[in-house]
Amino acid sequence: MQDQTQAGQDALSAYFFQIADGAKTQAADPFYDLFSIIRQVMAAAALVLDSVAGTCESPVPECGSGCSFCCHSRIHVMPLEVVVICSYVHNHFSPKAMQGLKTRIRTNLSYTRGCSLTQRVAVKDQTPCIFLNHHTCSIYDQRPFICRTWNSLSRQDCETAFISGNQNAEIPCLSAPNYVYTLARDVVQAVCKTMHLETGRFELVSAMDRCLGMKDAPSAWTGGCTVFGRSGGDESREKTEKNSGKEER
């Protein structure tokens, strides 16, 4: 069984690498190559999941528009995801929307910077995702891999866990999205490494704060500059808290 699981994982990873390699040959500009890679790999992962859903009977997630309990978790993303989002907000957010985003970033950091997981959970109702607007994701099509992995089978369980503040609550969910999107993310990360670009996992709010604070962070990062670094102890804190609760993703 272990060999079969590993073989399936290797085959799926190879498929995503093939998609990434194909995307690299479609544009002459490395900047757009990278954006195309992540978008095409995400699209390929979605097609894989659609195929799985179409060939077997599986529960239907209760996630839907207006439900945003999981959008109060502290998530970690890779640099390419951040620069894609950064480029998107610069191109699509109005000056008013951009100012609102920066205000939410400052507010979030004022509540959470330097805090423990328990302290962050205590203020979760005051620190929703910086991209959440009236319970709707304002960057839905550009959302990170980690957001795509979450598919709850019980909205009631999500609400109960949110209200109770139980960071160890067990939420029934589909395993396939987590498996497929995690493999896809790892492939994109590996491609970035081969291109000698900054990689790793960074807390979303702090990373966006860094990105928006630069004149042109996407161009700097795609040009090989270190944009995010290891400031604030995010990496060591993430390792310490990795298995301490459901709020860390």
Protein backbone atom coordinates (compact mmCIF):
# COMPACT_ATOMS: atom_id res chain seq x y z
CA MET A 1 0.00 0.00 0.00
CA GLN A 2 2.86 2.35 0.84
CA ASP A 3 4.48 1.69 -2.53
CA GLN A 4 1.18 2.36 -4.32
CA THR A 5 0.70 5.61 -2.43
CA GLN A 6 4.23 6.74 -3.20
CA ALA A 7 3.83 5.79 -6.86
CA GLY A 8 0.64 7.84 -7.10
CA GLN A 9 2.29 10.79 -5.43
CA ASP A 10 5.30 10.61 -7.74
CA ALA A 11 3.06 10.36 -10.81
CA LEU A 12 0.98 13.36 -9.76
CA SER A 13 4.08 15.41 -8.97
CA ALA A 14 5.54 14.47 -12.35
CA TYR A 15 2.31 15.65 -13.99
CA PHE A 16 2.50 19.01 -12.22
CA PHE A 17 6.17 19.38 -13.18
CA GLN A 18 5.15 18.74 -16.79
CA ILE A 19 2.52 21.48 -16.58
CA ALA A 20 5.10 23.86 -15.04
CA ASP A 21 7.69 23.09 -17.73
CA GLY A 22 5.10 23.69 -20.43
CA ALA A 23 4.17 27.05 -18.92
CA LYS A 24 7.83 28.11 -18.87
CA THR A 25 8.07 27.75 -22.65
CA GLN A 26 5.00 29.83 -23.42
CA ALA A 27 6.40 33.27 -22.59
CA ALA A 28 9.75 34.93 -23.12
CA ASP A 29 9.52 37.12 -20.02
CA PRO A 30 10.51 35.22 -16.80
CA PHE A 31 8.15 37.46 -14.80
CA TYR A 32 5.13 36.20 -16.74
CA ASP A 33 6.55 32.67 -16.89
CA LEU A 34 6.31 32.46 -13.11
CA PHE A 35 2.79 33.82 -12.97
CA SER A 36 1.75 31.40 -15.70
CA ILE A 37 3.38 28.47 -13.89
CA ILE A 38 1.49 28.91 -10.66
CA ARG A 39 -1.81 29.57 -12.38
CA GLN A 40 -1.53 26.62 -14.73
CA VAL A 41 -0.46 24.25 -11.97
CA MET A 42 -3.39 25.45 -9.83
CA ALA A 43 -5.73 24.88 -12.77
CA ALA A 44 -4.29 21.41 -13.33
CA ALA A 45 -4.82 20.55 -9.65
CA ALA A 46 -8.45 21.68 -9.92
CA LEU A 47 -8.94 19.45 -12.97
CA VAL A 48 -7.47 16.49 -11.09
CA LEU A 49 -9.91 17.05 -8.24
CA ASP A 50 -12.83 17.43 -10.65
CA SER A 51 -11.84 14.12 -12.22
CA VAL A 52 -11.69 12.43 -8.82
CA ALA A 53 -15.10 13.81 -7.87
CA GLY A 54 -16.53 12.59 -11.15
CA THR A 55 -15.29 9.02 -10.80
CA CYS A 56 -16.20 8.27 -7.21
CA GLU A 57 -18.91 9.06 -4.71
CA SER A 58 -17.66 11.53 -2.15
CA PRO A 59 -19.30 13.88 0.35
CA VAL A 60 -20.05 17.42 -0.81
CA PRO A 61 -18.27 20.17 1.13
CA GLU A 62 -20.51 22.66 2.90
CA CYS A 63 -18.15 25.55 2.17
CA GLY A 64 -19.86 28.32 0.26
CA SER A 65 -20.22 32.03 -0.32
CA GLY A 66 -20.72 33.92 2.92
CA CYS A 67 -19.13 31.24 5.10
CA SER A 68 -15.79 32.51 6.37
CA PHE A 69 -15.04 30.86 9.71
CA CYS A 70 -11.76 29.41 8.41
CA CYS A 71 -10.76 32.85 7.10
CA HIS A 72 -9.68 33.87 10.60
CA SER A 73 -6.73 31.47 10.70
CA ARG A 74 -3.10 32.51 10.47
CA ILE A 75 -1.81 31.07 7.19
CA HIS A 76 1.62 30.70 5.63
CA VAL A 77 2.36 31.17 1.95
CA MET A 78 5.34 30.96 -0.38
CA PRO A 79 6.91 34.06 -1.97
CA LEU A 80 5.51 33.45 -5.47
CA GLU A 81 1.98 33.39 -4.06
CA VAL A 82 2.60 36.72 -2.33
CA VAL A 83 4.01 38.48 -5.40
CA VAL A 84 1.12 37.18 -7.53
CA ILE A 85 -1.35 38.60 -4.99
CA CYS A 86 0.64 41.83 -4.70
CA SER A 87 0.62 42.31 -8.46
CA TYR A 88 -3.11 41.58 -8.54
CA VAL A 89 -4.05 44.15 -5.90
CA HIS A 90 -1.89 46.82 -7.57
CA ASN A 91 -3.65 46.17 -10.88
CA HIS A 92 -7.22 45.65 -9.66
CA PHE A 93 -7.75 47.43 -6.33
CA SER A 94 -8.97 51.02 -6.38
CA PRO A 95 -7.02 53.58 -4.31
CA LYS A 96 -9.76 53.33 -1.67
CA ALA A 97 -9.60 49.53 -1.63
CA MET A 98 -5.80 49.62 -1.43
CA GLN A 99 -5.92 52.01 1.52
CA GLY A 100 -8.46 49.76 3.21
CA LEU A 101 -6.16 46.75 2.71
CA LYS A 102 -3.20 48.58 4.24
CA THR A 103 -5.35 49.62 7.20
CA ARG A 104 -6.43 46.00 7.78
CA ILE A 105 -2.81 44.89 7.61
CA ARG A 106 -1.76 47.42 10.26
CA THR A 107 -4.71 46.50 12.47
CA ASN A 108 -4.01 42.78 12.15
CA LEU A 109 -0.34 43.21 12.99
CA SER A 110 -1.13 45.42 15.98
CA TYR A 111 -3.24 42.59 17.43
CA THR A 112 -1.05 39.61 16.51
CA ARG A 113 2.62 40.53 16.15
CA GLY A 114 4.69 38.74 18.76
CA CYS A 115 1.64 36.91 20.16
CA SER A 116 1.32 33.21 20.92
CA LEU A 117 -1.20 31.00 19.14
CA THR A 118 -3.50 31.10 22.19
CA GLN A 119 -3.37 34.91 22.22
CA ARG A 120 -4.13 35.09 18.50
CA VAL A 121 -7.08 32.73 18.81
CA ALA A 122 -8.47 34.97 21.55
CA VAL A 123 -8.68 37.90 19.10
CA LYS A 124 -9.63 35.91 15.99
CA ASP A 125 -12.95 37.73 15.62
CA GLN A 126 -11.01 41.00 15.34
CA THR A 127 -8.38 39.67 12.94
CA PRO A 128 -10.09 38.15 9.90
CA CYS A 129 -8.06 37.61 6.75
CA ILE A 130 -6.93 40.94 5.36
CA PHE A 131 -8.62 40.03 2.07
CA LEU A 132 -11.99 39.21 3.60
CA ASN A 133 -14.63 41.78 2.66
CA HIS A 134 -18.18 41.25 3.96
CA HIS A 135 -17.48 37.51 4.34
CA THR A 136 -16.24 37.32 0.75
CA CYS A 137 -12.68 36.80 -0.47
CA SER A 138 -11.57 39.83 -2.50
CA ILE A 139 -8.79 37.84 -4.21
CA TYR A 140 -10.66 34.55 -4.59
CA ASP A 141 -9.23 33.60 -8.00
CA GLN A 142 -5.72 34.44 -6.74
CA ARG A 143 -6.06 32.81 -3.30
CA PRO A 144 -3.08 30.74 -2.08
CA PHE A 145 -2.80 26.96 -2.28
CA ILE A 146 -3.45 26.59 1.45
CA CYS A 147 -6.85 28.25 1.10
CA ARG A 148 -7.76 25.83 -1.67
CA THR A 149 -6.98 22.79 0.49
CA TRP A 150 -9.70 23.53 3.04
CA ASN A 151 -13.06 21.89 2.31
CA SER A 152 -15.22 21.44 5.38
CA LEU A 153 -17.97 18.83 5.44
CA SER A 154 -19.77 20.56 8.29
CA ARG A 155 -20.42 24.27 8.42
CA GLN A 156 -21.98 23.74 11.85
CA ASP A 157 -18.76 22.22 13.20
CA CYS A 158 -16.78 25.15 11.81
CA GLU A 159 -19.13 27.62 13.47
CA THR A 160 -19.05 25.75 16.78
CA ALA A 161 -15.25 25.64 16.77
CA PHE A 162 -15.07 29.32 15.88
CA ILE A 163 -17.46 30.42 18.62
CA SER A 164 -15.88 28.19 21.26
CA GLY A 165 -12.34 29.15 20.33
CA ASN A 166 -11.33 25.49 20.45
CA GLN A 167 -8.14 25.46 18.42
CA ASN A 168 -8.00 21.64 18.58
CA ALA A 169 -11.51 21.06 17.26
CA GLU A 170 -11.78 18.25 14.73
CA ILE A 171 -13.47 19.47 11.56
CA PRO A 172 -14.47 16.76 9.06
CA CYS A 173 -13.08 17.61 5.64
CA LEU A 174 -12.14 16.12 2.30
CA SER A 175 -8.59 14.78 2.18
CA ALA A 176 -8.18 14.93 -1.62
CA PRO A 177 -7.92 18.75 -1.96
CA ASN A 178 -5.31 18.89 0.80
CA TYR A 179 -3.31 16.09 -0.84
CA VAL A 180 -3.49 17.42 -4.40
CA TYR A 181 -2.95 21.13 -3.70
CA THR A 182 -0.09 20.41 -1.28
CA LEU A 183 1.71 18.40 -3.97
CA ALA A 184 1.04 21.17 -6.48
CA ARG A 185 2.41 23.81 -4.12
CA ASP A 186 5.55 21.74 -3.47
CA VAL A 187 6.15 21.45 -7.22
CA VAL A 188 5.85 25.21 -7.71
CA GLN A 189 8.21 25.75 -4.79
CA ALA A 190 10.72 23.33 -6.32
CA VAL A 191 10.54 25.12 -9.67
CA CYS A 192 11.29 28.43 -7.95
CA LYS A 193 14.30 26.86 -6.26
CA THR A 194 15.70 25.68 -9.60
CA MET A 195 15.40 29.28 -10.79
CA HIS A 196 17.38 30.44 -7.72
CA LEU A 197 14.50 32.50 -6.38
CA GLU A 198 13.69 33.11 -2.74
CA THR A 199 11.54 30.31 -1.34
CA GLY A 200 10.15 29.25 2.03
CA ARG A 201 6.92 29.78 3.91
CA PHE A 202 5.93 33.16 5.33
CA GLU A 203 3.00 34.42 7.35
CA LEU A 204 0.61 36.08 4.91
CA VAL A 205 -0.05 39.39 6.68
CA SER A 206 3.61 40.11 7.41
CA ALA A 207 4.60 39.09 3.89
CA MET A 208 1.99 41.37 2.32
CA ASP A 209 3.10 44.20 4.59
CA ARG A 210 6.67 43.74 3.33
CA CYS A 211 5.57 43.40 -0.29
CA LEU A 212 3.33 46.48 -0.34
CA GLY A 213 5.99 48.50 1.47
CA MET A 214 8.37 48.15 -1.47
CA LYS A 215 8.23 50.13 -4.71
CA ASP A 216 8.04 47.02 -6.93
CA ALA A 217 8.36 43.86 -4.86
CA PRO A 218 7.22 41.47 -7.64
CA SER A 219 9.94 42.67 -10.02
CA ALA A 220 12.53 42.61 -7.24
CA TRP A 221 11.65 39.05 -6.28
CA THR A 222 11.49 37.72 -9.84
CA GLY A 223 14.84 39.43 -10.40
CA GLY A 224 16.40 37.26 -7.70
CA CYS A 225 16.34 39.67 -4.76
CA THR A 226 15.54 38.57 -1.21
CA VAL A 227 12.28 40.31 -0.42
CA PHE A 228 10.85 38.49 2.56
CA GLY A 229 13.83 37.21 4.56
CA ARG A 230 13.31 35.65 7.99
CA SER A 231 12.23 38.70 9.96
CA GLY A 232 9.97 38.49 12.98
CA GLY A 233 10.92 34.91 13.80
CA ASP A 234 8.06 33.53 11.71
CA GLU A 235 9.93 30.38 10.68
CA SER A 236 11.01 29.34 14.18
CA ARG A 237 7.63 30.21 15.66
CA GLU A 238 5.90 28.24 12.91
CA LYS A 239 7.99 25.15 13.74
CA THR A 240 7.20 25.49 17.43
CA GLU A 241 3.47 25.86 16.87
CA LYS A 242 3.11 23.58 13.87
CA ASN A 243 1.15 20.92 15.71
CA SER A 244 -0.25 23.01 18.53
CA GLY A 245 -3.66 23.75 17.02
CA LYS A 246 -5.94 24.04 14.04
CA GLU A 247 -5.54 27.79 13.71
CA GLU A 248 -2.07 27.44 12.19
CA ARG A 249 -2.09 26.60 8.49
